[in-house]
Amino acid sequence: MLKVDGITQHFGGLTALEEITFGVTKGEITGVIGPNGAGKTTLFNIITGLYTQTAGKVYLDGKDISGFPPERLAPLGLVRTFQNIEMFNQMTVLDNVLVGLHTRSRSGIFSCALKMPWHLLEERRMREGAYRWLEFCGIADLADTEAGALPFGKCRLVEVARAMAVEPGILLMDEPAAGLNSRETSELETLIRKIRESGVTVVLVEHDMELVMDICDRIIVLNLGRKLAEGTPREIQENPDVIKAYLGEG
């Protein structure tokens, strides 16, 4: 579904990524792990159009999407979440999720301003859709709560609901468990499985190794900007190079 072919990224004299190649199979949960500075987020930023790579290609369903900006990728079904959550704090939870539905809107500025019947109908459908994704993430009861008043763990769920509102085919999650306690991480694991069961392919960068090993079908290991290993969780756990470079000698 997603293919990264020979991705290389230079920042001045620094090589952040070198010849990274792998594929993501539809319907799987794929993990990308590695020590700090391995290039994981840089890779995500290239795939999702925030950075333009020095060399290499990115393909989505066989289409070359290299250099596509995020606003072109979202309608194609590629969406991401970020390690640092960005909420519209003065808006309600429902309105934050409605932002994710803007790619589905067909109304123009004049129909919105004049409250034309087709705009009002579309607005009602979008609000119903936003509620469905809040229910999907287990936070429908927070719909009218101001986002700035939420604890961090609930903000993470709002972010996921907002991403899912775009109805992606593939969701990239950058350290979704960062800042969560053990109970919240367990709830997140359940939600990620639910996302996959809904037909969405998931790729996640994560430092919580217990979560990665529990939830991923396949894992890609980066180290010093290069791909060190790729395989099932068991294969990665037993790989001596991974143990030495990332998991520790013990």
C-alpha atoms as a PDB file:
ATOM      1  CA  MET A   1       0.000   0.000   0.000  1.00  0.00           C
ATOM      2  CA  LEU A   2       2.838   2.355   0.920  1.00  0.00           C
ATOM      3  CA  LYS A   3       6.337   1.996  -0.472  1.00  0.00           C
ATOM      4  CA  VAL A   4       9.435   3.953   0.515  1.00  0.00           C
ATOM      5  CA  ASP A   5      12.193   3.484  -2.061  1.00  0.00           C
ATOM      6  CA  GLY A   6      15.756   4.651  -1.431  1.00  0.00           C
ATOM      7  CA  ILE A   7      14.844   7.635   0.733  1.00  0.00           C
ATOM      8  CA  THR A   8      17.877   9.775   1.568  1.00  0.00           C
ATOM      9  CA  GLN A   9      17.799  13.067   3.454  1.00  0.00           C
ATOM     10  CA  HIS A  10      20.674  15.490   3.913  1.00  0.00           C
ATOM     11  CA  PHE A  11      20.563  18.546   6.157  1.00  0.00           C
ATOM     12  CA  GLY A  12      23.673  20.429   5.139  1.00  0.00           C
ATOM     13  CA  GLY A  13      26.556  18.093   5.894  1.00  0.00           C
ATOM     14  CA  LEU A  14      24.403  15.804   8.054  1.00  0.00           C
ATOM     15  CA  THR A  15      22.893  12.643   6.593  1.00  0.00           C
ATOM     16  CA  ALA A  16      19.661  12.041   8.507  1.00  0.00           C
ATOM     17  CA  LEU A  17      18.499   9.126   6.326  1.00  0.00           C
ATOM     18  CA  GLU A  18      20.398   6.972   3.868  1.00  0.00           C
ATOM     19  CA  GLU A  19      18.812   4.675   1.282  1.00  0.00           C
ATOM     20  CA  ILE A  20      15.749   3.694   3.349  1.00  0.00           C
ATOM     21  CA  THR A  21      13.568   1.172   1.521  1.00  0.00           C
ATOM     22  CA  PHE A  22      10.561  -0.779   2.785  1.00  0.00           C
ATOM     23  CA  GLY A  23       6.916  -1.468   2.033  1.00  0.00           C
ATOM     24  CA  VAL A  24       3.761  -1.361   4.146  1.00  0.00           C
ATOM     25  CA  THR A  25       1.158  -4.042   3.498  1.00  0.00           C
ATOM     26  CA  LYS A  26      -2.508  -3.091   3.495  1.00  0.00           C
ATOM     27  CA  GLY A  27      -4.301  -4.085   6.685  1.00  0.00           C
ATOM     28  CA  GLU A  28      -1.168  -4.427   8.819  1.00  0.00           C
ATOM     29  CA  ILE A  29       0.141  -2.499  11.784  1.00  0.00           C
ATOM     30  CA  THR A  30       3.758  -1.631  11.051  1.00  0.00           C
ATOM     31  CA  GLY A  31       6.116  -0.225  13.674  1.00  0.00           C
ATOM     32  CA  VAL A  32       9.158   1.963  13.047  1.00  0.00           C
ATOM     33  CA  ILE A  33      11.572   1.951  15.970  1.00  0.00           C
ATOM     34  CA  GLY A  34      15.100   3.082  16.736  1.00  0.00           C
ATOM     35  CA  PRO A  35      17.135   5.175  19.167  1.00  0.00           C
ATOM     36  CA  ASN A  36      16.705   8.937  19.404  1.00  0.00           C
ATOM     37  CA  GLY A  37      18.203  10.525  16.323  1.00  0.00           C
ATOM     38  CA  ALA A  38      17.696   7.427  14.181  1.00  0.00           C
ATOM     39  CA  GLY A  39      15.628   9.403  11.657  1.00  0.00           C
ATOM     40  CA  LYS A  40      12.149   8.092  12.436  1.00  0.00           C
ATOM     41  CA  THR A  41      10.285  11.400  12.544  1.00  0.00           C
ATOM     42  CA  THR A  42      12.295  12.718   9.596  1.00  0.00           C
ATOM     43  CA  LEU A  43      11.074   9.714   7.625  1.00  0.00           C
ATOM     44  CA  PHE A  44       7.468  10.419   8.638  1.00  0.00           C
ATOM     45  CA  ASN A  45       7.893  14.075   7.673  1.00  0.00           C
ATOM     46  CA  ILE A  46       9.052  13.027   4.203  1.00  0.00           C
ATOM     47  CA  ILE A  47       6.243  10.518   3.694  1.00  0.00           C
ATOM     48  CA  THR A  48       3.622  13.066   4.777  1.00  0.00           C
ATOM     49  CA  GLY A  49       4.978  15.950   2.695  1.00  0.00           C
ATOM     50  CA  LEU A  50       6.459  18.163   5.401  1.00  0.00           C
ATOM     51  CA  TYR A  51       9.992  17.609   4.101  1.00  0.00           C
ATOM     52  CA  THR A  52      11.219  17.090   0.545  1.00  0.00           C
ATOM     53  CA  GLN A  53      13.744  14.292   0.435  1.00  0.00           C
ATOM     54  CA  THR A  54      17.190  14.650  -1.093  1.00  0.00           C
ATOM     55  CA  ALA A  55      16.728  11.407  -3.035  1.00  0.00           C
ATOM     56  CA  GLY A  56      14.332   8.491  -3.318  1.00  0.00           C
ATOM     57  CA  LYS A  57      10.619   8.046  -3.934  1.00  0.00           C
ATOM     58  CA  VAL A  58       7.437   7.506  -1.921  1.00  0.00           C
ATOM     59  CA  TYR A  59       4.548   5.568  -3.464  1.00  0.00           C
ATOM     60  CA  LEU A  60       0.958   5.230  -2.278  1.00  0.00           C
ATOM     61  CA  ASP A  61      -1.043   2.471  -3.973  1.00  0.00           C
ATOM     62  CA  GLY A  62       1.530   2.521  -6.777  1.00  0.00           C
ATOM     63  CA  LYS A  63       1.287   6.298  -7.310  1.00  0.00           C
ATOM     64  CA  ASP A  64       4.398   8.438  -6.892  1.00  0.00           C
ATOM     65  CA  ILE A  65       3.498  10.938  -4.160  1.00  0.00           C
ATOM     66  CA  SER A  66       7.035  12.235  -3.611  1.00  0.00           C
ATOM     67  CA  GLY A  67       6.896  15.908  -2.675  1.00  0.00           C
ATOM     68  CA  PHE A  68       3.111  16.050  -2.363  1.00  0.00           C
ATOM     69  CA  PRO A  69       2.114  18.536   0.374  1.00  0.00           C
ATOM     70  CA  PRO A  70      -0.136  17.318   3.223  1.00  0.00           C
ATOM     71  CA  GLU A  71      -3.238  18.966   1.741  1.00  0.00           C
ATOM     72  CA  ARG A  72      -2.866  16.818  -1.380  1.00  0.00           C
ATOM     73  CA  LEU A  73      -2.157  13.649   0.583  1.00  0.00           C
ATOM     74  CA  ALA A  74      -5.196  13.804   2.866  1.00  0.00           C
ATOM     75  CA  PRO A  75      -7.743  13.421   0.028  1.00  0.00           C
ATOM     76  CA  LEU A  76      -5.657  10.456  -1.197  1.00  0.00           C
ATOM     77  CA  GLY A  77      -6.158   8.773   2.169  1.00  0.00           C
ATOM     78  CA  LEU A  78      -2.794   9.362   3.859  1.00  0.00           C
ATOM     79  CA  VAL A  79      -3.079  11.082   7.235  1.00  0.00           C
ATOM     80  CA  ARG A  80      -0.845  11.401  10.308  1.00  0.00           C
ATOM     81  CA  THR A  81      -0.870  12.337  13.968  1.00  0.00           C
ATOM     82  CA  PHE A  82       1.985  14.119  15.733  1.00  0.00           C
ATOM     83  CA  GLN A  83       3.995  13.498  18.875  1.00  0.00           C
ATOM     84  CA  ASN A  84       3.259  17.045  20.035  1.00  0.00           C
ATOM     85  CA  ILE A  85      -0.515  17.384  20.020  1.00  0.00           C
ATOM     86  CA  GLU A  86      -1.930  20.533  18.445  1.00  0.00           C
ATOM     87  CA  MET A  87      -5.453  21.405  19.561  1.00  0.00           C
ATOM     88  CA  PHE A  88      -7.594  24.441  18.857  1.00  0.00           C
ATOM     89  CA  ASN A  89      -7.892  25.061  22.579  1.00  0.00           C
ATOM     90  CA  GLN A  90     -10.697  27.631  22.437  1.00  0.00           C
ATOM     91  CA  MET A  91     -12.863  25.339  20.311  1.00  0.00           C
ATOM     92  CA  THR A  92     -14.953  22.416  21.485  1.00  0.00           C
ATOM     93  CA  VAL A  93     -13.872  18.823  21.021  1.00  0.00           C
ATOM     94  CA  LEU A  94     -16.553  18.416  18.351  1.00  0.00           C
ATOM     95  CA  ASP A  95     -15.312  21.451  16.429  1.00  0.00           C
ATOM     96  CA  ASN A  96     -11.738  20.155  16.590  1.00  0.00           C
ATOM     97  CA  VAL A  97     -12.866  16.935  14.930  1.00  0.00           C
ATOM     98  CA  LEU A  98     -14.901  18.866  12.360  1.00  0.00           C
ATOM     99  CA  VAL A  99     -11.631  20.425  11.214  1.00  0.00           C
ATOM    100  CA  GLY A 100     -10.640  16.956  10.027  1.00  0.00           C
ATOM    101  CA  LEU A 101     -13.722  16.846   7.812  1.00  0.00           C
ATOM    102  CA  HIS A 102     -12.857  19.936   5.773  1.00  0.00           C
ATOM    103  CA  THR A 103     -11.503  17.754   2.957  1.00  0.00           C
ATOM    104  CA  ARG A 104     -15.010  16.309   2.569  1.00  0.00           C
ATOM    105  CA  SER A 105     -16.714  19.697   2.313  1.00  0.00           C
ATOM    106  CA  ARG A 106     -18.062  20.853  -1.038  1.00  0.00           C
ATOM    107  CA  SER A 107     -19.615  24.144   0.061  1.00  0.00           C
ATOM    108  CA  GLY A 108     -17.957  27.404  -0.977  1.00  0.00           C
ATOM    109  CA  ILE A 109     -17.588  30.653   0.918  1.00  0.00           C
ATOM    110  CA  PHE A 110     -20.770  32.167  -0.529  1.00  0.00           C
ATOM    111  CA  SER A 111     -23.026  29.204   0.251  1.00  0.00           C
ATOM    112  CA  CYS A 112     -21.623  29.209   3.804  1.00  0.00           C
ATOM    113  CA  ALA A 113     -22.171  32.948   4.231  1.00  0.00           C
ATOM    114  CA  LEU A 114     -25.692  32.814   2.785  1.00  0.00           C
ATOM    115  CA  LYS A 115     -26.624  29.644   4.680  1.00  0.00           C
ATOM    116  CA  MET A 116     -27.802  27.938   1.530  1.00  0.00           C
ATOM    117  CA  PRO A 117     -29.896  24.767   2.045  1.00  0.00           C
ATOM    118  CA  TRP A 118     -27.244  22.426   0.605  1.00  0.00           C
ATOM    119  CA  HIS A 119     -24.640  23.940   2.918  1.00  0.00           C
ATOM    120  CA  LEU A 120     -26.858  23.452   5.969  1.00  0.00           C
ATOM    121  CA  LEU A 121     -27.498  19.842   4.954  1.00  0.00           C
ATOM    122  CA  GLU A 122     -23.787  19.223   4.473  1.00  0.00           C
ATOM    123  CA  GLU A 123     -22.997  20.846   7.814  1.00  0.00           C
ATOM    124  CA  ARG A 124     -25.485  18.580   9.591  1.00  0.00           C
ATOM    125  CA  ARG A 125     -24.000  15.496   7.938  1.00  0.00           C
ATOM    126  CA  MET A 126     -20.501  16.573   8.893  1.00  0.00           C
ATOM    127  CA  ARG A 127     -21.490  17.086  12.524  1.00  0.00           C
ATOM    128  CA  GLU A 128     -23.084  13.632  12.563  1.00  0.00           C
ATOM    129  CA  GLY A 129     -19.884  12.227  11.090  1.00  0.00           C
ATOM    130  CA  ALA A 130     -17.756  13.974  13.719  1.00  0.00           C
ATOM    131  CA  TYR A 131     -19.922  12.502  16.483  1.00  0.00           C
ATOM    132  CA  ARG A 132     -19.466   9.031  15.018  1.00  0.00           C
ATOM    133  CA  TRP A 133     -15.685   9.361  15.238  1.00  0.00           C
ATOM    134  CA  LEU A 134     -15.901  10.674  18.781  1.00  0.00           C
ATOM    135  CA  GLU A 135     -17.978   7.613  19.659  1.00  0.00           C
ATOM    136  CA  PHE A 136     -15.437   5.422  17.838  1.00  0.00           C
ATOM    137  CA  CYS A 137     -12.694   6.814  20.089  1.00  0.00           C
ATOM    138  CA  GLY A 138     -14.834   6.617  23.235  1.00  0.00           C
ATOM    139  CA  ILE A 139     -15.045  10.354  23.893  1.00  0.00           C
ATOM    140  CA  ALA A 140     -18.503  11.329  22.608  1.00  0.00           C
ATOM    141  CA  ASP A 141     -19.363  12.592  26.088  1.00  0.00           C
ATOM    142  CA  LEU A 142     -16.694  15.286  25.672  1.00  0.00           C
ATOM    143  CA  ALA A 143     -18.135  16.710  22.431  1.00  0.00           C
ATOM    144  CA  ASP A 144     -19.100  20.069  23.950  1.00  0.00           C
ATOM    145  CA  THR A 145     -16.053  20.403  26.185  1.00  0.00           C
ATOM    146  CA  GLU A 146     -13.495  23.078  25.375  1.00  0.00           C
ATOM    147  CA  ALA A 147     -10.381  21.305  24.097  1.00  0.00           C
ATOM    148  CA  GLY A 148      -8.064  23.408  26.257  1.00  0.00           C
ATOM    149  CA  ALA A 149      -9.696  21.984  29.388  1.00  0.00           C
ATOM    150  CA  LEU A 150      -8.884  18.353  28.546  1.00  0.00           C
ATOM    151  CA  PRO A 151      -6.135  16.271  30.148  1.00  0.00           C
ATOM    152  CA  PHE A 152      -3.322  15.164  27.864  1.00  0.00           C
ATOM    153  CA  GLY A 153      -4.594  11.605  27.381  1.00  0.00           C
ATOM    154  CA  LYS A 154      -7.995  12.798  26.178  1.00  0.00           C
ATOM    155  CA  CYS A 155      -6.337  15.279  23.798  1.00  0.00           C
ATOM    156  CA  ARG A 156      -4.543  12.329  22.220  1.00  0.00           C
ATOM    157  CA  LEU A 157      -7.903  10.646  21.566  1.00  0.00           C
ATOM    158  CA  VAL A 158      -9.314  13.846  20.070  1.00  0.00           C
ATOM    159  CA  GLU A 159      -6.317  13.973  17.728  1.00  0.00           C
ATOM    160  CA  VAL A 160      -6.960  10.393  16.620  1.00  0.00           C
ATOM    161  CA  ALA A 161     -10.671  11.111  16.107  1.00  0.00           C
ATOM    162  CA  ARG A 162      -9.783  14.159  14.008  1.00  0.00           C
ATOM    163  CA  ALA A 163      -7.431  12.091  11.854  1.00  0.00           C
ATOM    164  CA  MET A 164      -9.986   9.322  11.419  1.00  0.00           C
ATOM    165  CA  ALA A 165     -12.616  11.859  10.381  1.00  0.00           C
ATOM    166  CA  VAL A 166     -10.661  12.274   7.140  1.00  0.00           C
ATOM    167  CA  GLU A 167     -11.491   8.585   6.493  1.00  0.00           C
ATOM    168  CA  PRO A 168      -7.899   7.619   5.684  1.00  0.00           C
ATOM    169  CA  GLY A 169      -6.722   4.442   4.062  1.00  0.00           C
ATOM    170  CA  ILE A 170      -3.454   4.648   5.989  1.00  0.00           C
ATOM    171  CA  LEU A 171      -2.754   6.413   9.288  1.00  0.00           C
ATOM    172  CA  LEU A 172       0.767   7.316  10.397  1.00  0.00           C
ATOM    173  CA  MET A 173       1.093   7.850  14.149  1.00  0.00           C
ATOM    174  CA  ASP A 174       4.183   9.558  15.570  1.00  0.00           C
ATOM    175  CA  GLU A 175       4.779   8.340  19.144  1.00  0.00           C
ATOM    176  CA  PRO A 176       1.082   8.063  20.053  1.00  0.00           C
ATOM    177  CA  ALA A 177       1.864   6.682  23.540  1.00  0.00           C
ATOM    178  CA  ALA A 178       4.213   9.550  24.468  1.00  0.00           C
ATOM    179  CA  GLY A 179       3.072  11.124  27.739  1.00  0.00           C
ATOM    180  CA  LEU A 180       0.422   8.480  28.464  1.00  0.00           C
ATOM    181  CA  ASN A 181       0.203   6.447  31.663  1.00  0.00           C
ATOM    182  CA  SER A 182      -0.128   2.663  31.610  1.00  0.00           C
ATOM    183  CA  ARG A 183      -3.938   2.688  31.627  1.00  0.00           C
ATOM    184  CA  GLU A 184      -4.095   5.229  28.805  1.00  0.00           C
ATOM    185  CA  THR A 185      -1.521   3.258  26.821  1.00  0.00           C
ATOM    186  CA  SER A 186      -3.637   0.112  27.187  1.00  0.00           C
ATOM    187  CA  GLU A 187      -6.691   2.029  25.943  1.00  0.00           C
ATOM    188  CA  LEU A 188      -4.639   3.352  23.036  1.00  0.00           C
ATOM    189  CA  GLU A 189      -3.581  -0.171  22.105  1.00  0.00           C
ATOM    190  CA  THR A 190      -7.226  -1.235  22.003  1.00  0.00           C
ATOM    191  CA  LEU A 191      -8.069   1.789  19.855  1.00  0.00           C
ATOM    192  CA  ILE A 192      -5.252   1.117  17.375  1.00  0.00           C
ATOM    193  CA  ARG A 193      -6.460  -2.460  16.958  1.00  0.00           C
ATOM    194  CA  LYS A 194      -9.958  -1.102  16.414  1.00  0.00           C
ATOM    195  CA  ILE A 195      -8.634   1.285  13.758  1.00  0.00           C
ATOM    196  CA  ARG A 196      -7.018  -1.613  11.914  1.00  0.00           C
ATOM    197  CA  GLU A 197     -10.220  -3.656  12.196  1.00  0.00           C
ATOM    198  CA  SER A 198     -12.096  -0.763  10.573  1.00  0.00           C
ATOM    199  CA  GLY A 199      -9.950  -1.241   7.456  1.00  0.00           C
ATOM    200  CA  VAL A 200      -7.281   1.411   8.052  1.00  0.00           C
ATOM    201  CA  THR A 201      -3.617   0.464   7.714  1.00  0.00           C
ATOM    202  CA  VAL A 202      -1.477   1.806  10.578  1.00  0.00           C
ATOM    203  CA  VAL A 203       2.194   2.797  10.681  1.00  0.00           C
ATOM    204  CA  LEU A 204       3.538   4.006  13.998  1.00  0.00           C
ATOM    205  CA  VAL A 205       6.771   5.391  15.378  1.00  0.00           C
ATOM    206  CA  GLU A 206       6.956   4.450  19.045  1.00  0.00           C
ATOM    207  CA  HIS A 207       9.428   4.164  21.924  1.00  0.00           C
ATOM    208  CA  ASP A 208       7.134   2.061  24.121  1.00  0.00           C
ATOM    209  CA  MET A 209       8.584  -1.328  23.247  1.00  0.00           C
ATOM    210  CA  GLU A 210       5.908  -3.304  25.067  1.00  0.00           C
ATOM    211  CA  LEU A 211       3.229  -1.605  22.959  1.00  0.00           C
ATOM    212  CA  VAL A 212       5.199  -2.114  19.741  1.00  0.00           C
ATOM    213  CA  MET A 213       5.825  -5.810  20.383  1.00  0.00           C
ATOM    214  CA  ASP A 214       2.205  -6.424  21.399  1.00  0.00           C
ATOM    215  CA  ILE A 215       0.496  -4.648  18.551  1.00  0.00           C
ATOM    216  CA  CYS A 216       2.686  -4.679  15.428  1.00  0.00           C
ATOM    217  CA  ASP A 217       2.594  -7.299  12.697  1.00  0.00           C
ATOM    218  CA  ARG A 218       5.961  -6.140  11.386  1.00  0.00           C
ATOM    219  CA  ILE A 219       8.695  -3.842  12.656  1.00  0.00           C
ATOM    220  CA  ILE A 220      11.319  -1.760  10.865  1.00  0.00           C
ATOM    221  CA  VAL A 221      14.386  -0.734  12.880  1.00  0.00           C
ATOM    222  CA  LEU A 222      16.350   2.411  12.041  1.00  0.00           C
ATOM    223  CA  ASN A 223      19.746   3.249  13.474  1.00  0.00           C
ATOM    224  CA  LEU A 224      21.916   6.245  12.600  1.00  0.00           C
ATOM    225  CA  GLY A 225      19.737   7.007   9.587  1.00  0.00           C
ATOM    226  CA  ARG A 226      19.950   3.517   8.099  1.00  0.00           C
ATOM    227  CA  LYS A 227      17.616   0.525   8.121  1.00  0.00           C
ATOM    228  CA  LEU A 228      19.111  -1.941  10.563  1.00  0.00           C
ATOM    229  CA  ALA A 229      16.503  -4.704  10.474  1.00  0.00           C
ATOM    230  CA  GLU A 230      12.987  -5.635   9.409  1.00  0.00           C
ATOM    231  CA  GLY A 231      10.795  -8.508  10.562  1.00  0.00           C
ATOM    232  CA  THR A 232       8.156  -9.806  12.924  1.00  0.00           C
ATOM    233  CA  PRO A 233       8.268  -8.783  16.595  1.00  0.00           C
ATOM    234  CA  ARG A 234       9.888 -12.115  17.504  1.00  0.00           C
ATOM    235  CA  GLU A 235      12.516 -11.741  14.781  1.00  0.00           C
ATOM    236  CA  ILE A 236      13.322  -8.226  15.950  1.00  0.00           C
ATOM    237  CA  GLN A 237      13.539  -9.300  19.595  1.00  0.00           C
ATOM    238  CA  GLU A 238      15.996 -12.038  18.658  1.00  0.00           C
ATOM    239  CA  ASN A 239      18.098  -9.984  16.226  1.00  0.00           C
ATOM    240  CA  PRO A 240      21.566  -9.488  17.779  1.00  0.00           C
ATOM    241  CA  ASP A 241      22.198  -6.241  15.890  1.00  0.00           C
ATOM    242  CA  VAL A 242      18.953  -4.767  17.219  1.00  0.00           C
ATOM    243  CA  ILE A 243      19.701  -5.951  20.751  1.00  0.00           C
ATOM    244  CA  LYS A 244      23.099  -4.292  20.595  1.00  0.00           C
ATOM    245  CA  ALA A 245      22.014  -1.046  18.948  1.00  0.00           C
ATOM    246  CA  TYR A 246      18.633  -0.410  20.523  1.00  0.00           C
ATOM    247  CA  LEU A 247      17.250  -2.855  23.050  1.00  0.00           C
ATOM    248  CA  GLY A 248      20.477  -3.214  25.041  1.00  0.00           C
ATOM    249  CA  GLU A 249      22.863  -6.106  25.565  1.00  0.00           C
ATOM    250  CA  GLY A 250      20.621  -7.609  28.233  1.00  0.00           C
END
